[in-house]
């Protein structure tokens, strides 16, 4: 609906909206709406290393909840909500207690995503309209946009989406070595790029799509070339071009499959800024005692602005 910028009557969180996509926007919707394992909790880390490799670990506690799996949610009250997303920063100490809450909508033209931030220092909850599109990502040192999260997230409406077709190419895959609990974060994060001795690439069929900013819209990425894994519908690789047509940032989605839960998920999302000579890596959990928990119990009341304050108390 709305020229492909929203979905209607999409109720299943285990299914893809477009099993046989006919255009580029249908491909990206399959990525955005793919199955995440029901209500999900995870503890992951992020690093934005300096050019010499020095970095500070930023730790997040993420939650993703699906409306249809929230028993206390009034039926029909949130028909336009795809999911609820909550992210608490737990380290370093200077950022700990800051919490982000997002109500992700299916039709963001009709109803834009709603976002709030709890600032632990000010002890205040505020609306956060900047958490969308090319707004700067949380604690990213300016190295990623909000919609770089999950390789691509949010509304597709600022772009024209072209389906180029299918092709075979080497993409990050079966990244179990990169996820080893025997590794330290210093083993993964290196100067200039993540440790390539830990990565794995396989030849897979992908959908190739190109997103070009519409003439009446704006975004720091004027064009994005994306390659979506045919099997999982996850974005595997993405090239981001600036307004001059210059290749600016290159993203790799290093993924693995959680066989016990039949869920594909990212191990590390690496986004390389070719102009700044730096990168951001998101998703590492090698040193965490607990990380991914699938099909967890959740309540709708946990995803309200009023609940943010209690989440973020230090």
C-alpha atoms as a PDB file:
ATOM      1  CA  UNK A   1       0.000   0.000   0.000  1.00  0.00           C
ATOM      2  CA  UNK A   2       1.049   3.669  -0.343  1.00  0.00           C
ATOM      3  CA  UNK A   3       3.186   2.926  -3.417  1.00  0.00           C
ATOM      4  CA  UNK A   4       4.818  -0.011  -1.671  1.00  0.00           C
ATOM      5  CA  UNK A   5       5.834   2.005   1.386  1.00  0.00           C
ATOM      6  CA  UNK A   6       3.596   0.120   3.791  1.00  0.00           C
ATOM      7  CA  UNK A   7       2.037  -3.288   4.357  1.00  0.00           C
ATOM      8  CA  UNK A   8      -1.560  -4.166   5.161  1.00  0.00           C
ATOM      9  CA  UNK A   9      -2.983  -7.445   6.487  1.00  0.00           C
ATOM     10  CA  UNK A  10       0.483  -8.738   7.420  1.00  0.00           C
ATOM     11  CA  UNK A  11      -0.089 -10.748  10.581  1.00  0.00           C
ATOM     12  CA  UNK A  12       2.317 -13.680  10.573  1.00  0.00           C
ATOM     13  CA  UNK A  13       5.701 -13.244  12.171  1.00  0.00           C
ATOM     14  CA  UNK A  14       6.921 -16.580  10.786  1.00  0.00           C
ATOM     15  CA  UNK A  15       6.207 -15.780   7.161  1.00  0.00           C
ATOM     16  CA  UNK A  16       7.528 -13.621   4.371  1.00  0.00           C
ATOM     17  CA  UNK A  17       5.246 -11.006   2.921  1.00  0.00           C
ATOM     18  CA  UNK A  18       6.308 -11.685  -0.676  1.00  0.00           C
ATOM     19  CA  UNK A  19       7.469 -15.284  -1.352  1.00  0.00           C
ATOM     20  CA  UNK A  20       7.989 -14.394  -5.030  1.00  0.00           C
ATOM     21  CA  UNK A  21       8.868 -10.675  -5.079  1.00  0.00           C
ATOM     22  CA  UNK A  22       8.092  -8.768  -8.249  1.00  0.00           C
ATOM     23  CA  UNK A  23      10.050  -5.591  -7.488  1.00  0.00           C
ATOM     24  CA  UNK A  24      12.774  -4.174  -5.288  1.00  0.00           C
ATOM     25  CA  UNK A  25      10.564  -2.835  -2.523  1.00  0.00           C
ATOM     26  CA  UNK A  26       8.989  -6.274  -2.038  1.00  0.00           C
ATOM     27  CA  UNK A  27      12.472  -7.743  -1.573  1.00  0.00           C
ATOM     28  CA  UNK A  28      13.395  -5.219   1.118  1.00  0.00           C
ATOM     29  CA  UNK A  29      10.063  -5.805   2.876  1.00  0.00           C
ATOM     30  CA  UNK A  30      10.939  -9.494   3.113  1.00  0.00           C
ATOM     31  CA  UNK A  31      14.151  -8.497   4.884  1.00  0.00           C
ATOM     32  CA  UNK A  32      12.397  -6.070   7.236  1.00  0.00           C
ATOM     33  CA  UNK A  33       9.585  -8.483   8.169  1.00  0.00           C
ATOM     34  CA  UNK A  34      11.618 -11.711   8.365  1.00  0.00           C
ATOM     35  CA  UNK A  35      11.242 -14.038  11.346  1.00  0.00           C
ATOM     36  CA  UNK A  36      13.414 -13.165  14.367  1.00  0.00           C
ATOM     37  CA  UNK A  37      12.461 -16.034  16.655  1.00  0.00           C
ATOM     38  CA  UNK A  38       9.337 -14.642  18.286  1.00  0.00           C
ATOM     39  CA  UNK A  39       9.912 -12.248  21.157  1.00  0.00           C
ATOM     40  CA  UNK A  40      13.675 -11.839  21.361  1.00  0.00           C
ATOM     41  CA  UNK A  41      16.144 -10.702  24.010  1.00  0.00           C
ATOM     42  CA  UNK A  42      19.845 -10.385  23.418  1.00  0.00           C
ATOM     43  CA  UNK A  43      22.974  -8.848  24.907  1.00  0.00           C
ATOM     44  CA  UNK A  44      25.406  -7.642  22.259  1.00  0.00           C
ATOM     45  CA  UNK A  45      28.270  -5.199  21.938  1.00  0.00           C
ATOM     46  CA  UNK A  46      29.391  -2.509  19.538  1.00  0.00           C
ATOM     47  CA  UNK A  47      32.810  -1.068  18.748  1.00  0.00           C
ATOM     48  CA  UNK A  48      33.916   1.993  16.780  1.00  0.00           C
ATOM     49  CA  UNK A  49      37.695   1.529  16.695  1.00  0.00           C
ATOM     50  CA  UNK A  50      40.036   4.409  16.039  1.00  0.00           C
ATOM     51  CA  UNK A  51      42.433   4.181  13.112  1.00  0.00           C
ATOM     52  CA  UNK A  52      45.041   2.594  15.409  1.00  0.00           C
ATOM     53  CA  UNK A  53      42.580  -0.099  16.552  1.00  0.00           C
ATOM     54  CA  UNK A  54      41.813   1.305  20.010  1.00  0.00           C
ATOM     55  CA  UNK A  55      38.164   0.890  20.994  1.00  0.00           C
ATOM     56  CA  UNK A  56      35.714   0.992  23.880  1.00  0.00           C
ATOM     57  CA  UNK A  57      33.113  -1.756  24.162  1.00  0.00           C
ATOM     58  CA  UNK A  58      29.536  -0.477  24.187  1.00  0.00           C
ATOM     59  CA  UNK A  59      27.099  -3.043  25.553  1.00  0.00           C
ATOM     60  CA  UNK A  60      23.408  -3.177  24.656  1.00  0.00           C
ATOM     61  CA  UNK A  61      20.481  -5.129  26.029  1.00  0.00           C
ATOM     62  CA  UNK A  62      18.033  -5.396  23.143  1.00  0.00           C
ATOM     63  CA  UNK A  63      14.444  -6.610  23.139  1.00  0.00           C
ATOM     64  CA  UNK A  64      12.176  -7.169  20.137  1.00  0.00           C
ATOM     65  CA  UNK A  65       8.520  -8.002  20.795  1.00  0.00           C
ATOM     66  CA  UNK A  66       5.825  -8.998  18.309  1.00  0.00           C
ATOM     67  CA  UNK A  67       2.292  -7.655  18.963  1.00  0.00           C
ATOM     68  CA  UNK A  68       0.614 -10.993  18.202  1.00  0.00           C
ATOM     69  CA  UNK A  69       2.705 -12.639  20.937  1.00  0.00           C
ATOM     70  CA  UNK A  70       1.813 -10.145  23.680  1.00  0.00           C
ATOM     71  CA  UNK A  71      -1.069 -11.646  25.625  1.00  0.00           C
ATOM     72  CA  UNK A  72      -2.029  -8.431  27.419  1.00  0.00           C
ATOM     73  CA  UNK A  73      -2.338  -6.408  24.199  1.00  0.00           C
ATOM     74  CA  UNK A  74      -5.897  -5.541  23.257  1.00  0.00           C
ATOM     75  CA  UNK A  75      -6.719  -7.300  19.950  1.00  0.00           C
ATOM     76  CA  UNK A  76      -6.769  -4.898  17.016  1.00  0.00           C
ATOM     77  CA  UNK A  77      -5.288  -2.020  19.003  1.00  0.00           C
ATOM     78  CA  UNK A  78      -1.909  -2.100  17.262  1.00  0.00           C
ATOM     79  CA  UNK A  79      -2.704  -3.376  13.773  1.00  0.00           C
ATOM     80  CA  UNK A  80      -0.119  -1.076  12.200  1.00  0.00           C
ATOM     81  CA  UNK A  81       2.746  -2.134  14.514  1.00  0.00           C
ATOM     82  CA  UNK A  82       5.337  -4.547  13.133  1.00  0.00           C
ATOM     83  CA  UNK A  83       7.247  -4.842  16.414  1.00  0.00           C
ATOM     84  CA  UNK A  84       8.373  -3.103  19.577  1.00  0.00           C
ATOM     85  CA  UNK A  85      12.089  -2.531  20.033  1.00  0.00           C
ATOM     86  CA  UNK A  86      13.801  -1.563  23.274  1.00  0.00           C
ATOM     87  CA  UNK A  87      17.530  -0.994  23.661  1.00  0.00           C
ATOM     88  CA  UNK A  88      19.293  -0.247  26.929  1.00  0.00           C
ATOM     89  CA  UNK A  89      22.936   0.792  27.079  1.00  0.00           C
ATOM     90  CA  UNK A  90      24.648  -1.005  29.987  1.00  0.00           C
ATOM     91  CA  UNK A  91      28.299  -0.045  29.349  1.00  0.00           C
ATOM     92  CA  UNK A  92      30.423   2.038  29.483  1.00  0.00           C
ATOM     93  CA  UNK A  93      29.389   3.748  32.720  1.00  0.00           C
ATOM     94  CA  UNK A  94      29.046   7.204  31.134  1.00  0.00           C
ATOM     95  CA  UNK A  95      26.275   5.891  28.849  1.00  0.00           C
ATOM     96  CA  UNK A  96      24.745   3.249  31.100  1.00  0.00           C
ATOM     97  CA  UNK A  97      21.042   3.614  31.746  1.00  0.00           C
ATOM     98  CA  UNK A  98      20.143   5.360  28.493  1.00  0.00           C
ATOM     99  CA  UNK A  99      17.211   3.547  26.877  1.00  0.00           C
ATOM    100  CA  UNK A 100      15.639   3.721  23.425  1.00  0.00           C
ATOM    101  CA  UNK A 101      12.079   2.584  22.699  1.00  0.00           C
ATOM    102  CA  UNK A 102      10.690   2.231  19.173  1.00  0.00           C
ATOM    103  CA  UNK A 103       7.215   1.297  17.991  1.00  0.00           C
ATOM    104  CA  UNK A 104       7.967   0.141  14.435  1.00  0.00           C
ATOM    105  CA  UNK A 105       4.986   0.589  12.132  1.00  0.00           C
ATOM    106  CA  UNK A 106       4.087  -1.341   8.991  1.00  0.00           C
ATOM    107  CA  UNK A 107       2.857   1.729   7.117  1.00  0.00           C
ATOM    108  CA  UNK A 108       5.207   4.549   8.097  1.00  0.00           C
ATOM    109  CA  UNK A 109       3.695   6.937   5.571  1.00  0.00           C
ATOM    110  CA  UNK A 110       0.338   6.689   7.293  1.00  0.00           C
ATOM    111  CA  UNK A 111       1.870   6.559  10.771  1.00  0.00           C
ATOM    112  CA  UNK A 112       5.620   7.188  11.215  1.00  0.00           C
ATOM    113  CA  UNK A 113       7.528   5.071  13.704  1.00  0.00           C
ATOM    114  CA  UNK A 114       7.267   6.310  17.259  1.00  0.00           C
ATOM    115  CA  UNK A 115      10.460   6.595  19.262  1.00  0.00           C
ATOM    116  CA  UNK A 116      11.375   7.741  22.765  1.00  0.00           C
ATOM    117  CA  UNK A 117      14.675   8.056  24.608  1.00  0.00           C
ATOM    118  CA  UNK A 118      15.227   7.917  28.348  1.00  0.00           C
ATOM    119  CA  UNK A 119      18.284   9.949  29.310  1.00  0.00           C
ATOM    120  CA  UNK A 120      19.687   8.553  32.545  1.00  0.00           C
ATOM    121  CA  UNK A 121      21.599  11.740  33.364  1.00  0.00           C
ATOM    122  CA  UNK A 122      18.520  13.946  33.029  1.00  0.00           C
ATOM    123  CA  UNK A 123      16.084  11.247  34.176  1.00  0.00           C
ATOM    124  CA  UNK A 124      13.703  12.326  31.462  1.00  0.00           C
ATOM    125  CA  UNK A 125      11.789  10.552  28.704  1.00  0.00           C
ATOM    126  CA  UNK A 126      11.607  12.451  25.429  1.00  0.00           C
ATOM    127  CA  UNK A 127      10.192  11.796  21.990  1.00  0.00           C
ATOM    128  CA  UNK A 128      12.973  11.003  19.529  1.00  0.00           C
ATOM    129  CA  UNK A 129      11.902  11.740  15.942  1.00  0.00           C
ATOM    130  CA  UNK A 130      15.572  11.758  14.950  1.00  0.00           C
ATOM    131  CA  UNK A 131      15.696   7.973  15.423  1.00  0.00           C
ATOM    132  CA  UNK A 132      14.808   7.301  11.790  1.00  0.00           C
ATOM    133  CA  UNK A 133      16.275   7.298   8.299  1.00  0.00           C
ATOM    134  CA  UNK A 134      19.717   8.970   8.321  1.00  0.00           C
ATOM    135  CA  UNK A 135      19.638  10.095  11.938  1.00  0.00           C
ATOM    136  CA  UNK A 136      22.896   9.130  13.656  1.00  0.00           C
ATOM    137  CA  UNK A 137      22.846   5.630  15.153  1.00  0.00           C
ATOM    138  CA  UNK A 138      23.052   5.102  18.912  1.00  0.00           C
ATOM    139  CA  UNK A 139      26.589   5.612  20.286  1.00  0.00           C
ATOM    140  CA  UNK A 140      27.966   5.088  16.773  1.00  0.00           C
ATOM    141  CA  UNK A 141      30.444   8.001  16.717  1.00  0.00           C
ATOM    142  CA  UNK A 142      28.701   9.120  13.540  1.00  0.00           C
ATOM    143  CA  UNK A 143      29.725   5.947  11.688  1.00  0.00           C
ATOM    144  CA  UNK A 144      26.249   4.625  10.910  1.00  0.00           C
ATOM    145  CA  UNK A 145      22.745   5.900  10.316  1.00  0.00           C
ATOM    146  CA  UNK A 146      19.657   4.731  12.160  1.00  0.00           C
ATOM    147  CA  UNK A 147      18.515   2.744   9.139  1.00  0.00           C
ATOM    148  CA  UNK A 148      21.904   0.992   8.886  1.00  0.00           C
ATOM    149  CA  UNK A 149      20.811  -1.007  11.946  1.00  0.00           C
ATOM    150  CA  UNK A 150      20.000  -4.630  11.019  1.00  0.00           C
ATOM    151  CA  UNK A 151      21.711  -3.858   7.678  1.00  0.00           C
ATOM    152  CA  UNK A 152      18.523  -1.972   6.742  1.00  0.00           C
ATOM    153  CA  UNK A 153      15.580  -1.065   8.938  1.00  0.00           C
ATOM    154  CA  UNK A 154      12.711   1.371   8.974  1.00  0.00           C
ATOM    155  CA  UNK A 155      10.627   2.877   6.217  1.00  0.00           C
ATOM    156  CA  UNK A 156      11.583   2.465   2.540  1.00  0.00           C
ATOM    157  CA  UNK A 157       9.621   5.501   1.349  1.00  0.00           C
ATOM    158  CA  UNK A 158      12.529   7.881   0.628  1.00  0.00           C
ATOM    159  CA  UNK A 159      13.859   5.609  -2.102  1.00  0.00           C
ATOM    160  CA  UNK A 160      12.839   4.202  -5.448  1.00  0.00           C
ATOM    161  CA  UNK A 161      13.635   0.484  -5.313  1.00  0.00           C
ATOM    162  CA  UNK A 162      14.745  -1.371  -8.421  1.00  0.00           C
ATOM    163  CA  UNK A 163      14.965  -5.153  -8.643  1.00  0.00           C
ATOM    164  CA  UNK A 164      18.054  -5.971 -10.710  1.00  0.00           C
ATOM    165  CA  UNK A 165      17.612  -9.741 -10.475  1.00  0.00           C
ATOM    166  CA  UNK A 166      19.337 -12.785  -9.010  1.00  0.00           C
ATOM    167  CA  UNK A 167      22.999 -13.677  -9.136  1.00  0.00           C
ATOM    168  CA  UNK A 168      25.572 -15.833  -7.404  1.00  0.00           C
ATOM    169  CA  UNK A 169      28.222 -14.155  -5.302  1.00  0.00           C
ATOM    170  CA  UNK A 170      30.374 -14.759  -2.262  1.00  0.00           C
ATOM    171  CA  UNK A 171      28.706 -13.430   0.875  1.00  0.00           C
ATOM    172  CA  UNK A 172      29.432 -13.739   4.618  1.00  0.00           C
ATOM    173  CA  UNK A 173      27.897 -17.008   5.819  1.00  0.00           C
ATOM    174  CA  UNK A 174      28.003 -19.588   8.627  1.00  0.00           C
ATOM    175  CA  UNK A 175      29.987 -17.210  10.819  1.00  0.00           C
ATOM    176  CA  UNK A 176      30.339 -19.570  13.777  1.00  0.00           C
ATOM    177  CA  UNK A 177      34.086 -19.097  14.140  1.00  0.00           C
ATOM    178  CA  UNK A 178      33.530 -15.349  14.465  1.00  0.00           C
ATOM    179  CA  UNK A 179      31.049 -16.056  17.278  1.00  0.00           C
ATOM    180  CA  UNK A 180      33.295 -18.375  19.303  1.00  0.00           C
ATOM    181  CA  UNK A 181      33.075 -17.855  23.095  1.00  0.00           C
ATOM    182  CA  UNK A 182      36.793 -18.606  23.218  1.00  0.00           C
ATOM    183  CA  UNK A 183      37.509 -15.274  21.554  1.00  0.00           C
ATOM    184  CA  UNK A 184      37.974 -11.922  23.208  1.00  0.00           C
ATOM    185  CA  UNK A 185      36.678  -8.758  21.593  1.00  0.00           C
ATOM    186  CA  UNK A 186      40.293  -7.767  21.008  1.00  0.00           C
ATOM    187  CA  UNK A 187      40.597 -10.891  18.824  1.00  0.00           C
ATOM    188  CA  UNK A 188      37.710  -9.720  16.651  1.00  0.00           C
ATOM    189  CA  UNK A 189      38.289  -5.962  16.451  1.00  0.00           C
ATOM    190  CA  UNK A 190      41.417  -4.848  14.622  1.00  0.00           C
ATOM    191  CA  UNK A 191      42.651  -1.631  13.076  1.00  0.00           C
ATOM    192  CA  UNK A 192      40.839  -1.002   9.805  1.00  0.00           C
ATOM    193  CA  UNK A 193      38.613  -4.089   9.739  1.00  0.00           C
ATOM    194  CA  UNK A 194      37.417  -7.054  11.754  1.00  0.00           C
ATOM    195  CA  UNK A 195      39.789 -10.037  11.918  1.00  0.00           C
ATOM    196  CA  UNK A 196      39.484 -11.711   8.506  1.00  0.00           C
ATOM    197  CA  UNK A 197      40.980 -14.946   9.845  1.00  0.00           C
ATOM    198  CA  UNK A 198      37.673 -15.410  11.683  1.00  0.00           C
ATOM    199  CA  UNK A 199      35.310 -14.691   8.789  1.00  0.00           C
ATOM    200  CA  UNK A 200      33.771 -17.084   6.282  1.00  0.00           C
ATOM    201  CA  UNK A 201      32.348 -16.394   2.821  1.00  0.00           C
ATOM    202  CA  UNK A 202      30.300 -18.800   0.712  1.00  0.00           C
ATOM    203  CA  UNK A 203      28.907 -18.751  -2.812  1.00  0.00           C
ATOM    204  CA  UNK A 204      25.155 -18.144  -2.573  1.00  0.00           C
ATOM    205  CA  UNK A 205      22.300 -16.919  -4.710  1.00  0.00           C
ATOM    206  CA  UNK A 206      21.225 -13.402  -3.819  1.00  0.00           C
ATOM    207  CA  UNK A 207      18.611 -10.891  -4.870  1.00  0.00           C
ATOM    208  CA  UNK A 208      20.243  -7.679  -6.089  1.00  0.00           C
ATOM    209  CA  UNK A 209      18.320  -4.444  -5.553  1.00  0.00           C
ATOM    210  CA  UNK A 210      19.217  -0.772  -5.989  1.00  0.00           C
ATOM    211  CA  UNK A 211      17.662   2.004  -3.903  1.00  0.00           C
ATOM    212  CA  UNK A 212      17.878   5.544  -5.307  1.00  0.00           C
ATOM    213  CA  UNK A 213      16.718   8.581  -3.343  1.00  0.00           C
ATOM    214  CA  UNK A 214      13.549  10.062  -4.816  1.00  0.00           C
ATOM    215  CA  UNK A 215      13.904  13.531  -6.394  1.00  0.00           C
ATOM    216  CA  UNK A 216      11.794  15.183  -3.674  1.00  0.00           C
ATOM    217  CA  UNK A 217      13.425  13.360  -0.749  1.00  0.00           C
ATOM    218  CA  UNK A 218      16.765  13.542   1.052  1.00  0.00           C
ATOM    219  CA  UNK A 219      19.113  11.019   2.648  1.00  0.00           C
ATOM    220  CA  UNK A 220      22.881  11.017   3.191  1.00  0.00           C
ATOM    221  CA  UNK A 221      23.001   7.823   1.117  1.00  0.00           C
ATOM    222  CA  UNK A 222      21.923   8.901  -2.359  1.00  0.00           C
ATOM    223  CA  UNK A 223      22.075   5.316  -3.577  1.00  0.00           C
ATOM    224  CA  UNK A 224      22.315   1.870  -1.972  1.00  0.00           C
ATOM    225  CA  UNK A 225      23.144  -1.395  -3.705  1.00  0.00           C
ATOM    226  CA  UNK A 226      21.969  -4.348  -1.611  1.00  0.00           C
ATOM    227  CA  UNK A 227      22.431  -8.083  -1.953  1.00  0.00           C
ATOM    228  CA  UNK A 228      19.870 -10.188  -0.071  1.00  0.00           C
ATOM    229  CA  UNK A 229      20.460 -13.869   0.677  1.00  0.00           C
ATOM    230  CA  UNK A 230      17.889 -15.964  -1.200  1.00  0.00           C
ATOM    231  CA  UNK A 231      17.435 -18.430   1.675  1.00  0.00           C
ATOM    232  CA  UNK A 232      17.156 -16.173   4.733  1.00  0.00           C
ATOM    233  CA  UNK A 233      16.041 -12.870   3.143  1.00  0.00           C
ATOM    234  CA  UNK A 234      18.739 -11.144   5.187  1.00  0.00           C
ATOM    235  CA  UNK A 235      20.757  -8.345   3.611  1.00  0.00           C
ATOM    236  CA  UNK A 236      24.221  -9.866   3.250  1.00  0.00           C
ATOM    237  CA  UNK A 237      26.113  -6.999   1.598  1.00  0.00           C
ATOM    238  CA  UNK A 238      25.329  -3.344   0.977  1.00  0.00           C
ATOM    239  CA  UNK A 239      27.191  -0.550  -0.808  1.00  0.00           C
ATOM    240  CA  UNK A 240      26.287   3.029   0.134  1.00  0.00           C
ATOM    241  CA  UNK A 241      26.971   5.975  -2.189  1.00  0.00           C
ATOM    242  CA  UNK A 242      27.049   9.660  -1.301  1.00  0.00           C
ATOM    243  CA  UNK A 243      25.443  12.532  -3.203  1.00  0.00           C
ATOM    244  CA  UNK A 244      28.427  12.787  -5.564  1.00  0.00           C
ATOM    245  CA  UNK A 245      28.065   9.170  -6.598  1.00  0.00           C
ATOM    246  CA  UNK A 246      31.163   8.130  -4.646  1.00  0.00           C
ATOM    247  CA  UNK A 247      31.233   4.805  -2.809  1.00  0.00           C
ATOM    248  CA  UNK A 248      31.189   5.834   0.850  1.00  0.00           C
ATOM    249  CA  UNK A 249      30.355   2.916   3.111  1.00  0.00           C
ATOM    250  CA  UNK A 250      30.356  -0.847   2.618  1.00  0.00           C
ATOM    251  CA  UNK A 251      28.396  -3.153   4.926  1.00  0.00           C
ATOM    252  CA  UNK A 252      28.838  -6.864   5.559  1.00  0.00           C
ATOM    253  CA  UNK A 253      26.275  -8.901   7.474  1.00  0.00           C
ATOM    254  CA  UNK A 254      28.157 -11.858   8.961  1.00  0.00           C
ATOM    255  CA  UNK A 255      25.394 -14.317   9.791  1.00  0.00           C
ATOM    256  CA  UNK A 256      24.753 -17.710  11.335  1.00  0.00           C
ATOM    257  CA  UNK A 257      21.812 -20.050  11.814  1.00  0.00           C
ATOM    258  CA  UNK A 258      20.424 -20.928  15.249  1.00  0.00           C
ATOM    259  CA  UNK A 259      19.324 -24.482  14.459  1.00  0.00           C
ATOM    260  CA  UNK A 260      17.556 -25.089  17.774  1.00  0.00           C
ATOM    261  CA  UNK A 261      15.176 -22.243  16.979  1.00  0.00           C
ATOM    262  CA  UNK A 262      15.263 -22.270  13.157  1.00  0.00           C
ATOM    263  CA  UNK A 263      16.333 -18.628  13.089  1.00  0.00           C
ATOM    264  CA  UNK A 264      19.012 -16.927  10.977  1.00  0.00           C
ATOM    265  CA  UNK A 265      20.631 -13.932  12.677  1.00  0.00           C
ATOM    266  CA  UNK A 266      23.602 -11.634  12.350  1.00  0.00           C
ATOM    267  CA  UNK A 267      26.787 -12.462  14.235  1.00  0.00           C
ATOM    268  CA  UNK A 268      28.458  -9.156  13.397  1.00  0.00           C
ATOM    269  CA  UNK A 269      27.319  -6.256  11.237  1.00  0.00           C
ATOM    270  CA  UNK A 270      30.420  -4.479   9.958  1.00  0.00           C
ATOM    271  CA  UNK A 271      30.081  -1.097   8.253  1.00  0.00           C
ATOM    272  CA  UNK A 272      33.267   0.295   6.717  1.00  0.00           C
ATOM    273  CA  UNK A 273      33.582   4.039   6.084  1.00  0.00           C
ATOM    274  CA  UNK A 274      35.989   4.243   3.160  1.00  0.00           C
ATOM    275  CA  UNK A 275      36.339   8.021   3.376  1.00  0.00           C
ATOM    276  CA  UNK A 276      36.948   8.266   7.138  1.00  0.00           C
ATOM    277  CA  UNK A 277      39.110   5.141   7.167  1.00  0.00           C
ATOM    278  CA  UNK A 278      37.189   3.739  10.138  1.00  0.00           C
ATOM    279  CA  UNK A 279      34.434   1.224  10.757  1.00  0.00           C
ATOM    280  CA  UNK A 280      31.745   0.178  13.188  1.00  0.00           C
ATOM    281  CA  UNK A 281      31.066  -3.403  14.271  1.00  0.00           C
ATOM    282  CA  UNK A 282      27.799  -4.360  15.957  1.00  0.00           C
ATOM    283  CA  UNK A 283      26.589  -7.663  17.364  1.00  0.00           C
ATOM    284  CA  UNK A 284      29.598  -9.276  19.049  1.00  0.00           C
ATOM    285  CA  UNK A 285      28.751 -11.414  22.073  1.00  0.00           C
ATOM    286  CA  UNK A 286      31.868 -13.551  22.489  1.00  0.00           C
ATOM    287  CA  UNK A 287      32.485 -12.447  26.087  1.00  0.00           C
ATOM    288  CA  UNK A 288      28.826 -12.344  27.186  1.00  0.00           C
ATOM    289  CA  UNK A 289      27.557 -15.087  29.496  1.00  0.00           C
ATOM    290  CA  UNK A 290      24.053 -14.891  28.066  1.00  0.00           C
ATOM    291  CA  UNK A 291      23.001 -13.394  24.798  1.00  0.00           C
ATOM    292  CA  UNK A 292      20.258 -14.576  22.448  1.00  0.00           C
ATOM    293  CA  UNK A 293      17.016 -15.731  24.048  1.00  0.00           C
ATOM    294  CA  UNK A 294      14.186 -16.623  21.670  1.00  0.00           C
ATOM    295  CA  UNK A 295      10.435 -16.897  22.275  1.00  0.00           C
ATOM    296  CA  UNK A 296      10.619 -15.130  25.638  1.00  0.00           C
ATOM    297  CA  UNK A 297       7.592 -13.999  27.623  1.00  0.00           C
ATOM    298  CA  UNK A 298       6.827 -10.310  27.218  1.00  0.00           C
ATOM    299  CA  UNK A 299       4.085  -7.850  28.112  1.00  0.00           C
ATOM    300  CA  UNK A 300       2.821  -4.877  26.148  1.00  0.00           C
ATOM    301  CA  UNK A 301       3.217  -2.748  29.267  1.00  0.00           C
ATOM    302  CA  UNK A 302       6.997  -3.184  29.039  1.00  0.00           C
ATOM    303  CA  UNK A 303       7.061  -1.219  25.783  1.00  0.00           C
ATOM    304  CA  UNK A 304       5.439   2.041  26.803  1.00  0.00           C
ATOM    305  CA  UNK A 305       7.174   5.400  27.394  1.00  0.00           C
ATOM    306  CA  UNK A 306       6.179   5.148  31.059  1.00  0.00           C
ATOM    307  CA  UNK A 307       8.114   1.883  31.387  1.00  0.00           C
ATOM    308  CA  UNK A 308      11.338   3.441  30.093  1.00  0.00           C
ATOM    309  CA  UNK A 309      12.182   5.176  33.335  1.00  0.00           C
ATOM    310  CA  UNK A 310      12.173   1.962  35.372  1.00  0.00           C
ATOM    311  CA  UNK A 311      14.264   0.174  32.718  1.00  0.00           C
ATOM    312  CA  UNK A 312      16.998   2.782  32.772  1.00  0.00           C
ATOM    313  CA  UNK A 313      17.469   3.248  36.531  1.00  0.00           C
ATOM    314  CA  UNK A 314      21.179   2.808  37.246  1.00  0.00           C
END
